[in-house]
Amino acid sequence: MNLPFTSSLLLLVTLAMSSPLAHCAESAPSGAIRHSYLVMGGKTAIISEEGQAVWEGPGGTRDGFVLPNGNVLLAFSDRVQEFTREKQVVFSYKKSKENGEIGTTQRLYNGNTLVTELGARPRLLEVNPQGVIAHEIVLQPETDNAHMQTRMARQLRNGNFLAPHLLAFAVKEYTPEGKVVSVIKTDLEELGGRKGENWPFTAIRLDNGNTVLSLTHGNKVVEMNLKNEVVWRVDNSHVGGLFKDPCGSQRLANGNTVIGSHAANKGVSMVEVTRENKIVWTSDHPLAAGVHHFQILTTNGKQEPGMPLK
């Protein structure tokens, strides 16, 4: 399981009840799904279940989380910052000069912040609350193309790190010492091989050991087991062509999967599907156009339980 936060589930629920995000419509049409969510892409915002922007961040972002204390942790292309709801910066890390860009961020259990840097020295960093690097893991992306080296890296429950490497068609699990202990390949023949451009972007490790993968230019999301077998798949044949470069995805507690389309600059940019690939919710909100990643926060007035799998 991915571990973005240091706090317990009880704290998450308590904060949810007192947070502005918990204020949603008192009732919804029978069978209708309403979500509040954080979106990151060309715009950065928290959108309520009524479709109102209740918080907007400065400019475009790539990754981030609403933290249990209500603050928002965001990865920009050149820095990572944590903002209060009053937009005060309470944590900041700026990328090193040797690398070209930042990919992702995540708040870890130990209070440090995970940052990925792409460039001449691709690496995972643990940055302490003072903005100082506490630990480094050198990545093996198999390409010098900085922008395509890695994206949504996450720490796992066992303390290892999961990093998708786009042009390597591989998701690698690294120990804190930098050793690769497992590899999930996405250039499988059944997925169209390398010509299918199934670049792994988001990798979500589930409690059962399976991994949910967004495969960007392949316009599909798959779930793979420990044997590197595809056990679930959703693509444009199931959703009427709505997937346009799906980058971010999130597995919800009810088993549904929400998928965002980075190349959808207008119209539907987020889709929620069931295990049977039935569409049950979409978003065409203008602030979610070109969504890079997101976090579903509430559903019909209730906080999404547990740690966000995204």
Protein backbone atom coordinates (compact mmCIF):
# COMPACT_ATOMS: atom_id res chain seq x y z
CA MET A 1 0.00 0.00 0.00
CA ASN A 2 1.18 3.53 -0.71
CA LEU A 3 1.88 5.57 2.42
CA PRO A 4 1.49 9.33 1.90
CA PHE A 5 0.86 10.42 5.46
CA THR A 6 2.22 10.11 8.96
CA SER A 7 -1.14 10.17 10.69
CA SER A 8 -3.56 7.42 11.57
CA LEU A 9 -6.89 6.74 9.93
CA LEU A 10 -8.61 8.10 13.04
CA LEU A 11 -6.89 11.44 12.53
CA LEU A 12 -7.90 11.44 8.87
CA VAL A 13 -11.54 10.91 9.76
CA THR A 14 -11.47 13.51 12.55
CA LEU A 15 -9.95 16.13 10.30
CA ALA A 16 -12.36 15.27 7.53
CA MET A 17 -15.31 16.05 9.79
CA SER A 18 -13.94 19.48 10.64
CA SER A 19 -12.48 20.30 7.23
CA PRO A 20 -14.18 22.57 4.70
CA LEU A 21 -13.89 19.62 2.31
CA ALA A 22 -16.41 17.71 4.37
CA HIS A 23 -19.11 20.30 3.58
CA CYS A 24 -20.95 18.74 0.66
CA ALA A 25 -24.50 18.56 -0.63
CA GLU A 26 -26.85 17.25 2.03
CA SER A 27 -28.47 14.97 -0.50
CA ALA A 28 -27.81 13.78 -4.03
CA PRO A 29 -30.08 12.29 -6.67
CA SER A 30 -30.64 8.60 -6.09
CA GLY A 31 -27.71 6.64 -7.49
CA ALA A 32 -25.69 9.75 -8.33
CA ILE A 33 -22.02 9.94 -7.33
CA ARG A 34 -20.50 13.24 -6.27
CA HIS A 35 -16.84 13.74 -5.46
CA SER A 36 -14.72 16.54 -4.07
CA TYR A 37 -11.17 16.33 -5.33
CA LEU A 38 -7.77 17.95 -5.65
CA VAL A 39 -6.64 18.38 -9.26
CA MET A 40 -3.12 19.04 -10.48
CA GLY A 41 -2.20 19.92 -14.04
CA GLY A 42 -2.42 23.18 -15.95
CA LYS A 43 -4.44 24.42 -12.98
CA THR A 44 -4.31 23.43 -9.31
CA ALA A 45 -7.50 23.44 -7.27
CA ILE A 46 -9.70 21.71 -4.74
CA ILE A 47 -13.17 21.30 -6.22
CA SER A 48 -16.19 20.68 -4.00
CA GLU A 49 -18.94 18.15 -4.64
CA GLU A 50 -21.03 21.07 -5.90
CA GLY A 51 -18.38 21.89 -8.50
CA GLN A 52 -17.05 25.00 -6.75
CA ALA A 53 -13.34 25.77 -6.44
CA VAL A 54 -12.84 26.01 -2.67
CA TRP A 55 -9.05 26.44 -2.95
CA GLU A 56 -6.73 27.29 -5.81
CA GLY A 57 -2.97 26.89 -5.91
CA PRO A 58 -0.38 28.98 -7.73
CA GLY A 59 0.02 27.78 -11.30
CA GLY A 60 0.42 24.31 -12.76
CA THR A 61 1.54 21.28 -10.76
CA ARG A 62 2.38 17.61 -11.31
CA ASP A 63 1.60 15.75 -8.12
CA GLY A 64 0.43 16.31 -4.58
CA PHE A 65 -1.79 15.44 -1.65
CA VAL A 66 -4.21 17.08 0.72
CA LEU A 67 -2.57 16.25 4.05
CA PRO A 68 -4.47 15.22 7.19
CA ASN A 69 -3.95 18.71 8.67
CA GLY A 70 -5.71 20.23 5.67
CA ASN A 71 -2.53 21.61 4.09
CA VAL A 72 -1.77 20.89 0.45
CA LEU A 73 1.55 19.36 -0.62
CA LEU A 74 2.36 20.10 -4.26
CA ALA A 75 5.09 19.18 -6.74
CA PHE A 76 5.87 21.86 -9.32
CA SER A 77 8.36 21.26 -12.13
CA ASP A 78 11.14 22.96 -10.15
CA ARG A 79 10.12 22.68 -6.48
CA VAL A 80 7.94 21.05 -3.85
CA GLN A 81 5.95 23.18 -1.43
CA GLU A 82 3.38 22.67 1.32
CA PHE A 83 0.67 25.33 1.58
CA THR A 84 -1.82 26.13 4.29
CA ARG A 85 -5.37 26.92 3.20
CA GLU A 86 -4.35 30.58 3.54
CA LYS A 87 -1.59 29.82 0.98
CA GLN A 88 1.24 30.27 3.46
CA VAL A 89 4.26 28.14 2.50
CA VAL A 90 5.30 25.98 5.46
CA PHE A 91 7.65 23.57 3.63
CA SER A 92 9.78 24.04 0.54
CA TYR A 93 12.40 22.16 -1.45
CA LYS A 94 13.93 23.45 -4.68
CA LYS A 95 15.44 21.04 -7.20
CA SER A 96 19.20 20.64 -7.41
CA LYS A 97 21.14 22.37 -10.18
CA GLU A 98 22.37 19.07 -11.62
CA ASN A 99 18.84 17.93 -12.52
CA GLY A 100 16.28 19.42 -14.86
CA GLU A 101 12.92 18.87 -13.21
CA ILE A 102 10.91 17.43 -10.36
CA GLY A 103 8.39 14.69 -10.98
CA THR A 104 6.48 13.79 -7.84
CA THR A 105 6.11 14.18 -4.11
CA GLN A 106 4.66 12.29 -1.13
CA ARG A 107 4.64 12.88 2.63
CA LEU A 108 6.14 9.86 4.38
CA TYR A 109 5.32 8.24 7.71
CA ASN A 110 8.55 9.50 9.27
CA GLY A 111 7.61 13.11 8.50
CA ASN A 112 10.05 13.47 5.63
CA THR A 113 8.91 14.28 2.11
CA LEU A 114 9.61 12.12 -0.93
CA VAL A 115 10.76 14.03 -4.02
CA THR A 116 11.78 12.66 -7.42
CA GLU A 117 14.35 14.54 -9.46
CA LEU A 118 14.82 13.89 -13.18
CA GLY A 119 17.89 14.73 -15.23
CA ALA A 120 21.60 13.94 -15.24
CA ARG A 121 21.28 12.23 -11.86
CA PRO A 122 17.78 10.77 -11.58
CA ARG A 123 17.02 10.06 -7.96
CA LEU A 124 14.52 9.66 -5.15
CA LEU A 125 15.06 11.98 -2.23
CA GLU A 126 13.83 12.02 1.34
CA VAL A 127 13.78 15.66 2.43
CA ASN A 128 13.40 16.52 6.11
CA PRO A 129 10.94 19.17 7.40
CA GLN A 130 13.70 21.80 7.21
CA GLY A 131 14.09 21.20 3.45
CA VAL A 132 17.41 19.34 3.79
CA ILE A 133 18.09 16.06 1.95
CA ALA A 134 18.16 13.22 4.47
CA HIS A 135 18.47 10.26 2.08
CA GLU A 136 19.06 9.60 -1.63
CA ILE A 137 18.34 6.66 -3.91
CA VAL A 138 19.85 6.70 -7.40
CA LEU A 139 17.31 5.52 -9.97
CA GLN A 140 17.81 3.29 -13.01
CA PRO A 141 15.42 4.68 -15.66
CA GLU A 142 17.37 3.31 -18.67
CA THR A 143 17.17 6.61 -20.57
CA ASP A 144 18.83 10.03 -20.64
CA ASN A 145 15.53 11.65 -21.64
CA ALA A 146 14.95 13.45 -18.35
CA HIS A 147 11.26 14.13 -18.90
CA MET A 148 10.58 10.45 -19.53
CA GLN A 149 12.68 8.95 -16.73
CA THR A 150 10.08 8.52 -13.99
CA ARG A 151 6.86 9.87 -12.56
CA MET A 152 4.66 8.84 -9.63
CA ALA A 153 7.11 7.21 -7.24
CA ARG A 154 5.65 6.07 -3.94
CA GLN A 155 6.88 4.50 -0.73
CA LEU A 156 5.45 1.07 0.09
CA ARG A 157 4.44 -0.37 3.43
CA ASN A 158 7.64 -2.45 3.54
CA GLY A 159 9.75 0.72 3.29
CA ASN A 160 10.74 0.14 -0.33
CA PHE A 161 9.91 2.54 -3.15
CA LEU A 162 7.95 1.92 -6.35
CA ALA A 163 9.05 3.96 -9.37
CA PRO A 164 7.51 3.83 -12.87
CA HIS A 165 10.08 4.27 -15.65
CA LEU A 166 8.26 5.28 -18.81
CA LEU A 167 10.70 4.53 -21.63
CA ALA A 168 12.01 1.43 -19.85
CA PHE A 169 8.44 0.03 -19.93
CA ALA A 170 9.10 -1.00 -16.36
CA VAL A 171 8.02 -0.32 -12.80
CA LYS A 172 10.92 -1.00 -10.44
CA GLU A 173 10.80 -1.58 -6.70
CA TYR A 174 13.84 -0.14 -4.95
CA THR A 175 15.09 -0.83 -1.45
CA PRO A 176 16.23 2.19 0.61
CA GLU A 177 19.76 1.13 -0.38
CA GLY A 178 18.89 1.48 -4.07
CA LYS A 179 18.72 -2.21 -4.97
CA VAL A 180 16.06 -3.23 -7.47
CA VAL A 181 14.18 -6.19 -5.98
CA SER A 182 11.29 -6.55 -8.45
CA VAL A 183 10.31 -5.35 -11.93
CA ILE A 184 6.90 -5.14 -13.58
CA LYS A 185 7.13 -4.99 -17.38
CA THR A 186 4.48 -3.20 -19.42
CA ASP A 187 5.68 -4.05 -22.95
CA LEU A 188 3.76 -7.31 -22.88
CA GLU A 189 2.55 -8.71 -26.20
CA GLU A 190 -1.04 -8.85 -24.95
CA LEU A 191 -0.86 -5.08 -24.30
CA GLY A 192 0.51 -4.31 -27.75
CA GLY A 193 4.23 -4.56 -27.02
CA ARG A 194 6.43 -1.49 -27.22
CA LYS A 195 4.54 -0.22 -30.26
CA GLY A 196 1.57 0.20 -27.95
CA GLU A 197 3.52 2.88 -26.02
CA ASN A 198 2.33 1.50 -22.69
CA TRP A 199 4.51 3.86 -20.68
CA PRO A 200 3.91 3.32 -16.96
CA PHE A 201 3.10 6.60 -15.24
CA THR A 202 1.22 5.84 -12.02
CA ALA A 203 1.86 2.61 -10.09
CA ILE A 204 -0.43 1.74 -7.17
CA ARG A 205 0.47 -1.23 -4.97
CA LEU A 206 -2.62 -2.86 -3.48
CA ASP A 207 -2.87 -4.83 -0.24
CA ASN A 208 -3.15 -8.10 -2.18
CA GLY A 209 0.19 -7.46 -3.88
CA ASN A 210 -1.30 -6.49 -7.24
CA THR A 211 -0.30 -3.22 -8.89
CA VAL A 212 -2.59 -0.81 -10.76
CA LEU A 213 -0.81 0.97 -13.62
CA SER A 214 -1.75 3.97 -15.75
CA LEU A 215 -0.19 3.39 -19.19
CA THR A 216 -0.18 6.92 -20.67
CA HIS A 217 0.15 6.77 -24.47
CA GLY A 218 -1.26 3.25 -24.39
CA ASN A 219 -4.54 4.84 -23.25
CA LYS A 220 -5.29 2.11 -20.78
CA VAL A 221 -5.14 1.24 -17.09
CA VAL A 222 -4.33 -2.30 -15.98
CA GLU A 223 -4.00 -4.28 -12.76
CA MET A 224 -1.18 -6.82 -12.71
CA ASN A 225 -0.47 -9.58 -10.23
CA LEU A 226 2.83 -10.74 -8.79
CA LYS A 227 3.34 -13.04 -11.79
CA ASN A 228 3.26 -10.04 -14.15
CA GLU A 229 -0.13 -11.14 -15.46
CA VAL A 230 -2.90 -8.71 -16.39
CA VAL A 231 -5.91 -9.44 -14.16
CA TRP A 232 -7.96 -6.34 -15.03
CA ARG A 233 -7.89 -3.86 -17.86
CA VAL A 234 -9.85 -0.82 -18.99
CA ASP A 235 -9.14 0.99 -22.25
CA ASN A 236 -10.87 3.16 -24.83
CA SER A 237 -12.92 0.25 -26.12
CA HIS A 238 -14.67 0.26 -22.72
CA VAL A 239 -15.12 4.02 -22.25
CA GLY A 240 -15.99 5.27 -25.71
CA GLY A 241 -12.60 6.85 -26.40
CA LEU A 242 -12.57 9.10 -23.32
CA PHE A 243 -8.99 8.19 -22.36
CA LYS A 244 -6.53 10.73 -23.74
CA ASP A 245 -3.08 10.15 -22.27
CA PRO A 246 -4.21 8.82 -18.86
CA CYS A 247 -1.53 9.85 -16.38
CA GLY A 248 -2.97 9.88 -12.85
CA SER A 249 -5.25 7.22 -11.45
CA GLN A 250 -6.64 6.31 -8.03
CA ARG A 251 -8.16 3.09 -6.70
CA LEU A 252 -11.00 3.94 -4.35
CA ALA A 253 -11.97 2.02 -1.24
CA ASN A 254 -15.10 0.67 -2.98
CA GLY A 255 -12.95 -0.94 -5.67
CA ASN A 256 -13.71 1.59 -8.39
CA THR A 257 -10.88 3.26 -10.29
CA VAL A 258 -10.74 6.95 -11.22
CA ILE A 259 -8.59 7.87 -14.21
CA GLY A 260 -7.50 11.31 -15.41
CA SER A 261 -6.65 12.27 -19.01
CA HIS A 262 -3.77 14.72 -19.32
CA ALA A 263 -4.45 15.40 -23.01
CA ALA A 264 -8.13 16.20 -22.43
CA ASN A 265 -7.94 19.98 -22.56
CA LYS A 266 -11.72 20.29 -22.80
CA GLY A 267 -14.66 18.01 -22.19
CA VAL A 268 -14.46 14.95 -19.95
CA SER A 269 -11.04 14.71 -18.30
CA MET A 270 -11.77 12.33 -15.39
CA VAL A 271 -13.63 9.01 -15.48
CA GLU A 272 -14.60 6.59 -12.71
CA VAL A 273 -15.18 2.97 -13.69
CA THR A 274 -16.28 -0.11 -11.77
CA ARG A 275 -14.52 -3.47 -11.85
CA GLU A 276 -16.89 -4.32 -14.72
CA ASN A 277 -15.72 -1.19 -16.59
CA LYS A 278 -19.01 0.62 -16.17
CA ILE A 279 -18.69 4.41 -16.10
CA VAL A 280 -20.29 5.75 -12.90
CA TRP A 281 -18.85 9.30 -12.68
CA THR A 282 -17.10 11.81 -14.90
CA SER A 283 -15.73 15.33 -14.56
CA ASP A 284 -15.55 17.97 -17.26
CA HIS A 285 -14.72 20.77 -14.82
CA PRO A 286 -12.62 23.47 -16.55
CA LEU A 287 -10.11 23.51 -13.67
CA ALA A 288 -9.56 19.78 -14.22
CA ALA A 289 -8.78 20.16 -17.92
CA GLY A 290 -5.40 18.62 -18.72
CA VAL A 291 -5.28 16.89 -15.33
CA HIS A 292 -1.86 15.45 -14.55
CA HIS A 293 -2.85 13.84 -11.26
CA PHE A 294 -5.58 14.21 -8.66
CA GLN A 295 -6.87 13.00 -5.30
CA ILE A 296 -10.48 12.04 -4.68
CA LEU A 297 -11.34 13.44 -1.23
CA THR A 298 -15.02 12.76 -0.54
CA THR A 299 -17.90 10.83 -2.04
CA ASN A 300 -21.46 12.01 -1.38
CA GLY A 301 -20.39 13.79 1.79
CA LYS A 302 -18.19 11.04 3.17
CA GLN A 303 -14.39 11.16 3.37
CA GLU A 304 -12.62 8.63 1.17
CA PRO A 305 -11.38 6.19 3.86
CA GLY A 306 -7.83 5.01 4.40
CA MET A 307 -4.68 6.17 2.69
CA PRO A 308 -5.20 7.43 -0.86
CA LEU A 309 -4.07 4.82 -3.39
CA LYS A 310 -2.85 7.12 -6.16
